[in-house]
C-alpha atoms as a PDB file:
ATOM      1  CA  UNK A   1     203.549 -16.639  13.259  1.00  0.00           C
ATOM      2  CA  UNK A   2     205.059 -18.907  15.645  1.00  0.00           C
ATOM      3  CA  UNK A   3     205.405 -15.393  17.982  1.00  0.00           C
ATOM      4  CA  UNK A   4     201.865 -14.958  17.760  1.00  0.00           C
ATOM      5  CA  UNK A   5     201.001 -18.572  18.606  1.00  0.00           C
ATOM      6  CA  UNK A   6     203.002 -18.873  21.897  1.00  0.00           C
ATOM      7  CA  UNK A   7     201.690 -15.356  22.881  1.00  0.00           C
ATOM      8  CA  UNK A   8     197.889 -16.661  22.446  1.00  0.00           C
ATOM      9  CA  UNK A   9     198.872 -20.035  24.137  1.00  0.00           C
ATOM     10  CA  UNK A  10     200.492 -18.077  27.034  1.00  0.00           C
ATOM     11  CA  UNK A  11     197.487 -15.985  27.463  1.00  0.00           C
ATOM     12  CA  UNK A  12     195.361 -18.900  27.608  1.00  0.00           C
ATOM     13  CA  UNK A  13     197.176 -20.666  29.980  1.00  0.00           C
ATOM     14  CA  UNK A  14     197.555 -17.442  32.340  1.00  0.00           C
ATOM     15  CA  UNK A  15     193.513 -17.099  31.915  1.00  0.00           C
ATOM     16  CA  UNK A  16     192.966 -20.790  32.853  1.00  0.00           C
ATOM     17  CA  UNK A  17     195.417 -20.964  35.762  1.00  0.00           C
ATOM     18  CA  UNK A  18     195.616 -17.177  37.103  1.00  0.00           C
ATOM     19  CA  UNK A  19     192.658 -17.167  39.526  1.00  0.00           C
ATOM     20  CA  UNK A  20     192.707 -15.331  42.636  1.00  0.00           C
ATOM     21  CA  UNK A  21     192.827 -17.585  45.628  1.00  0.00           C
ATOM     22  CA  UNK A  22     189.474 -17.630  47.663  1.00  0.00           C
ATOM     23  CA  UNK A  23     189.687 -16.669  51.109  1.00  0.00           C
ATOM     24  CA  UNK A  24     188.970 -19.331  53.699  1.00  0.00           C
ATOM     25  CA  UNK A  25     185.206 -20.042  54.447  1.00  0.00           C
ATOM     26  CA  UNK A  26     184.114 -18.700  58.093  1.00  0.00           C
ATOM     27  CA  UNK A  27     181.147 -19.657  59.804  1.00  0.00           C
ATOM     28  CA  UNK A  28     178.390 -17.107  61.555  1.00  0.00           C
ATOM     29  CA  UNK A  29     175.778 -18.618  64.220  1.00  0.00           C
ATOM     30  CA  UNK A  30     172.829 -16.876  64.173  1.00  0.00           C
ATOM     31  CA  UNK A  31     171.136 -16.969  67.465  1.00  0.00           C
ATOM     32  CA  UNK A  32     167.734 -15.747  68.450  1.00  0.00           C
ATOM     33  CA  UNK A  33     167.891 -13.000  71.171  1.00  0.00           C
ATOM     34  CA  UNK A  34     166.463  -9.788  72.933  1.00  0.00           C
ATOM     35  CA  UNK A  35     169.062  -7.779  74.945  1.00  0.00           C
ATOM     36  CA  UNK A  36     166.581  -5.389  76.085  1.00  0.00           C
ATOM     37  CA  UNK A  37     165.576  -8.203  78.491  1.00  0.00           C
ATOM     38  CA  UNK A  38     168.956  -8.475  79.805  1.00  0.00           C
ATOM     39  CA  UNK A  39     169.753 -11.918  78.327  1.00  0.00           C
ATOM     40  CA  UNK A  40     172.661 -12.520  75.694  1.00  0.00           C
ATOM     41  CA  UNK A  41     174.529 -15.183  74.255  1.00  0.00           C
ATOM     42  CA  UNK A  42     177.846 -16.144  74.936  1.00  0.00           C
ATOM     43  CA  UNK A  43     179.806 -18.592  73.408  1.00  0.00           C
ATOM     44  CA  UNK A  44     183.093 -20.806  74.134  1.00  0.00           C
ATOM     45  CA  UNK A  45     185.266 -22.895  72.137  1.00  0.00           C
ATOM     46  CA  UNK A  46     186.814 -26.448  72.991  1.00  0.00           C
ATOM     47  CA  UNK A  47     189.735 -27.106  72.491  1.00  0.00           C
ATOM     48  CA  UNK A  48     191.046 -23.305  71.888  1.00  0.00           C
ATOM     49  CA  UNK A  49     193.091 -22.868  68.765  1.00  0.00           C
ATOM     50  CA  UNK A  50     190.892 -24.554  66.252  1.00  0.00           C
ATOM     51  CA  UNK A  51     188.634 -21.542  65.387  1.00  0.00           C
ATOM     52  CA  UNK A  52     188.501 -17.757  66.793  1.00  0.00           C
ATOM     53  CA  UNK A  53     185.712 -15.494  67.315  1.00  0.00           C
ATOM     54  CA  UNK A  54     186.373 -12.717  64.802  1.00  0.00           C
ATOM     55  CA  UNK A  55     183.012 -10.771  64.973  1.00  0.00           C
ATOM     56  CA  UNK A  56     180.023 -10.829  67.553  1.00  0.00           C
ATOM     57  CA  UNK A  57     176.790  -8.498  66.960  1.00  0.00           C
ATOM     58  CA  UNK A  58     173.271  -7.739  67.684  1.00  0.00           C
ATOM     59  CA  UNK A  59     171.007  -7.225  65.149  1.00  0.00           C
ATOM     60  CA  UNK A  60     167.689  -5.850  65.901  1.00  0.00           C
ATOM     61  CA  UNK A  61     164.636  -7.042  63.993  1.00  0.00           C
ATOM     62  CA  UNK A  62     163.004  -4.224  62.202  1.00  0.00           C
ATOM     63  CA  UNK A  63     159.886  -2.660  64.282  1.00  0.00           C
ATOM     64  CA  UNK A  64     157.453  -0.046  63.966  1.00  0.00           C
ATOM     65  CA  UNK A  65     158.698   3.198  64.864  1.00  0.00           C
ATOM     66  CA  UNK A  66     158.218   3.871  68.671  1.00  0.00           C
ATOM     67  CA  UNK A  67     158.023   0.054  69.696  1.00  0.00           C
ATOM     68  CA  UNK A  68     160.607  -0.712  72.625  1.00  0.00           C
ATOM     69  CA  UNK A  69     161.610  -4.206  73.494  1.00  0.00           C
ATOM     70  CA  UNK A  70     161.828  -6.191  70.269  1.00  0.00           C
ATOM     71  CA  UNK A  71     163.741  -9.135  69.610  1.00  0.00           C
ATOM     72  CA  UNK A  72     166.753  -9.709  67.501  1.00  0.00           C
ATOM     73  CA  UNK A  73     169.543 -12.000  66.195  1.00  0.00           C
ATOM     74  CA  UNK A  74     173.079 -12.306  67.815  1.00  0.00           C
ATOM     75  CA  UNK A  75     175.620 -13.131  65.549  1.00  0.00           C
ATOM     76  CA  UNK A  76     179.024 -14.785  66.072  1.00  0.00           C
ATOM     77  CA  UNK A  77     181.524 -15.397  63.219  1.00  0.00           C
ATOM     78  CA  UNK A  78     184.308 -17.943  63.430  1.00  0.00           C
ATOM     79  CA  UNK A  79     187.350 -18.110  61.607  1.00  0.00           C
ATOM     80  CA  UNK A  80     189.618 -21.430  61.254  1.00  0.00           C
ATOM     81  CA  UNK A  81     192.925 -21.158  62.771  1.00  0.00           C
ATOM     82  CA  UNK A  82     194.250 -24.782  62.309  1.00  0.00           C
ATOM     83  CA  UNK A  83     192.457 -27.981  60.878  1.00  0.00           C
ATOM     84  CA  UNK A  84     190.580 -29.897  63.538  1.00  0.00           C
ATOM     85  CA  UNK A  85     187.042 -29.962  65.219  1.00  0.00           C
ATOM     86  CA  UNK A  86     185.881 -27.431  67.768  1.00  0.00           C
ATOM     87  CA  UNK A  87     182.724 -27.462  69.762  1.00  0.00           C
ATOM     88  CA  UNK A  88     181.079 -24.250  70.279  1.00  0.00           C
ATOM     89  CA  UNK A  89     178.830 -23.840  73.316  1.00  0.00           C
ATOM     90  CA  UNK A  90     176.743 -20.994  73.629  1.00  0.00           C
ATOM     91  CA  UNK A  91     174.617 -20.300  76.815  1.00  0.00           C
ATOM     92  CA  UNK A  92     171.697 -17.573  76.884  1.00  0.00           C
ATOM     93  CA  UNK A  93     171.458 -16.039  80.125  1.00  0.00           C
ATOM     94  CA  UNK A  94     171.704 -13.014  82.131  1.00  0.00           C
ATOM     95  CA  UNK A  95     175.035 -11.656  83.641  1.00  0.00           C
ATOM     96  CA  UNK A  96     173.979 -11.869  87.303  1.00  0.00           C
ATOM     97  CA  UNK A  97     172.244 -15.432  86.839  1.00  0.00           C
ATOM     98  CA  UNK A  98     174.143 -18.773  87.276  1.00  0.00           C
ATOM     99  CA  UNK A  99     171.621 -20.886  85.083  1.00  0.00           C
ATOM    100  CA  UNK A 100     171.062 -20.298  81.203  1.00  0.00           C
ATOM    101  CA  UNK A 101     167.524 -20.212  79.735  1.00  0.00           C
ATOM    102  CA  UNK A 102     168.838 -21.717  76.724  1.00  0.00           C
ATOM    103  CA  UNK A 103     172.063 -23.417  75.337  1.00  0.00           C
ATOM    104  CA  UNK A 104     173.537 -24.238  71.608  1.00  0.00           C
ATOM    105  CA  UNK A 105     176.297 -26.610  70.791  1.00  0.00           C
ATOM    106  CA  UNK A 106     177.698 -26.339  67.519  1.00  0.00           C
ATOM    107  CA  UNK A 107     180.585 -28.832  66.078  1.00  0.00           C
ATOM    108  CA  UNK A 108     182.790 -26.929  63.636  1.00  0.00           C
ATOM    109  CA  UNK A 109     185.065 -28.688  61.379  1.00  0.00           C
ATOM    110  CA  UNK A 110     188.160 -26.758  59.877  1.00  0.00           C
ATOM    111  CA  UNK A 111     190.033 -28.580  56.981  1.00  0.00           C
ATOM    112  CA  UNK A 112     193.417 -27.819  55.509  1.00  0.00           C
ATOM    113  CA  UNK A 113     192.364 -24.727  53.463  1.00  0.00           C
ATOM    114  CA  UNK A 114     190.950 -23.190  56.990  1.00  0.00           C
ATOM    115  CA  UNK A 115     187.251 -23.668  55.370  1.00  0.00           C
ATOM    116  CA  UNK A 116     184.961 -24.162  58.143  1.00  0.00           C
ATOM    117  CA  UNK A 117     181.812 -26.742  58.032  1.00  0.00           C
ATOM    118  CA  UNK A 118     179.077 -27.766  60.914  1.00  0.00           C
ATOM    119  CA  UNK A 119     179.183 -31.165  61.610  1.00  0.00           C
END
């Protein structure tokens, strides 16, 4: 009887405390864009070493068949590297031009578990 009770107690303790650790929360910036015009977003971070860009992709909006020149969304996924605060500066411009037509500034805070939140 004691063995069964001990086995049940061990099973309950394991079930309550044996959860898989959750991966850190990344942050994805979604910026409206239209790469068919030559414009695209580029992002830099300061200081370096707090977050890193792990994925960048352009997702076109759904459009009617045969329609060209439609817009979309440019996605930038950031991952925490070490605790701290990082400023992400994004500019929307053509590669051959010097002045952006839009800018976005995002302040990201990375906690001890490397989860990212927006300030």
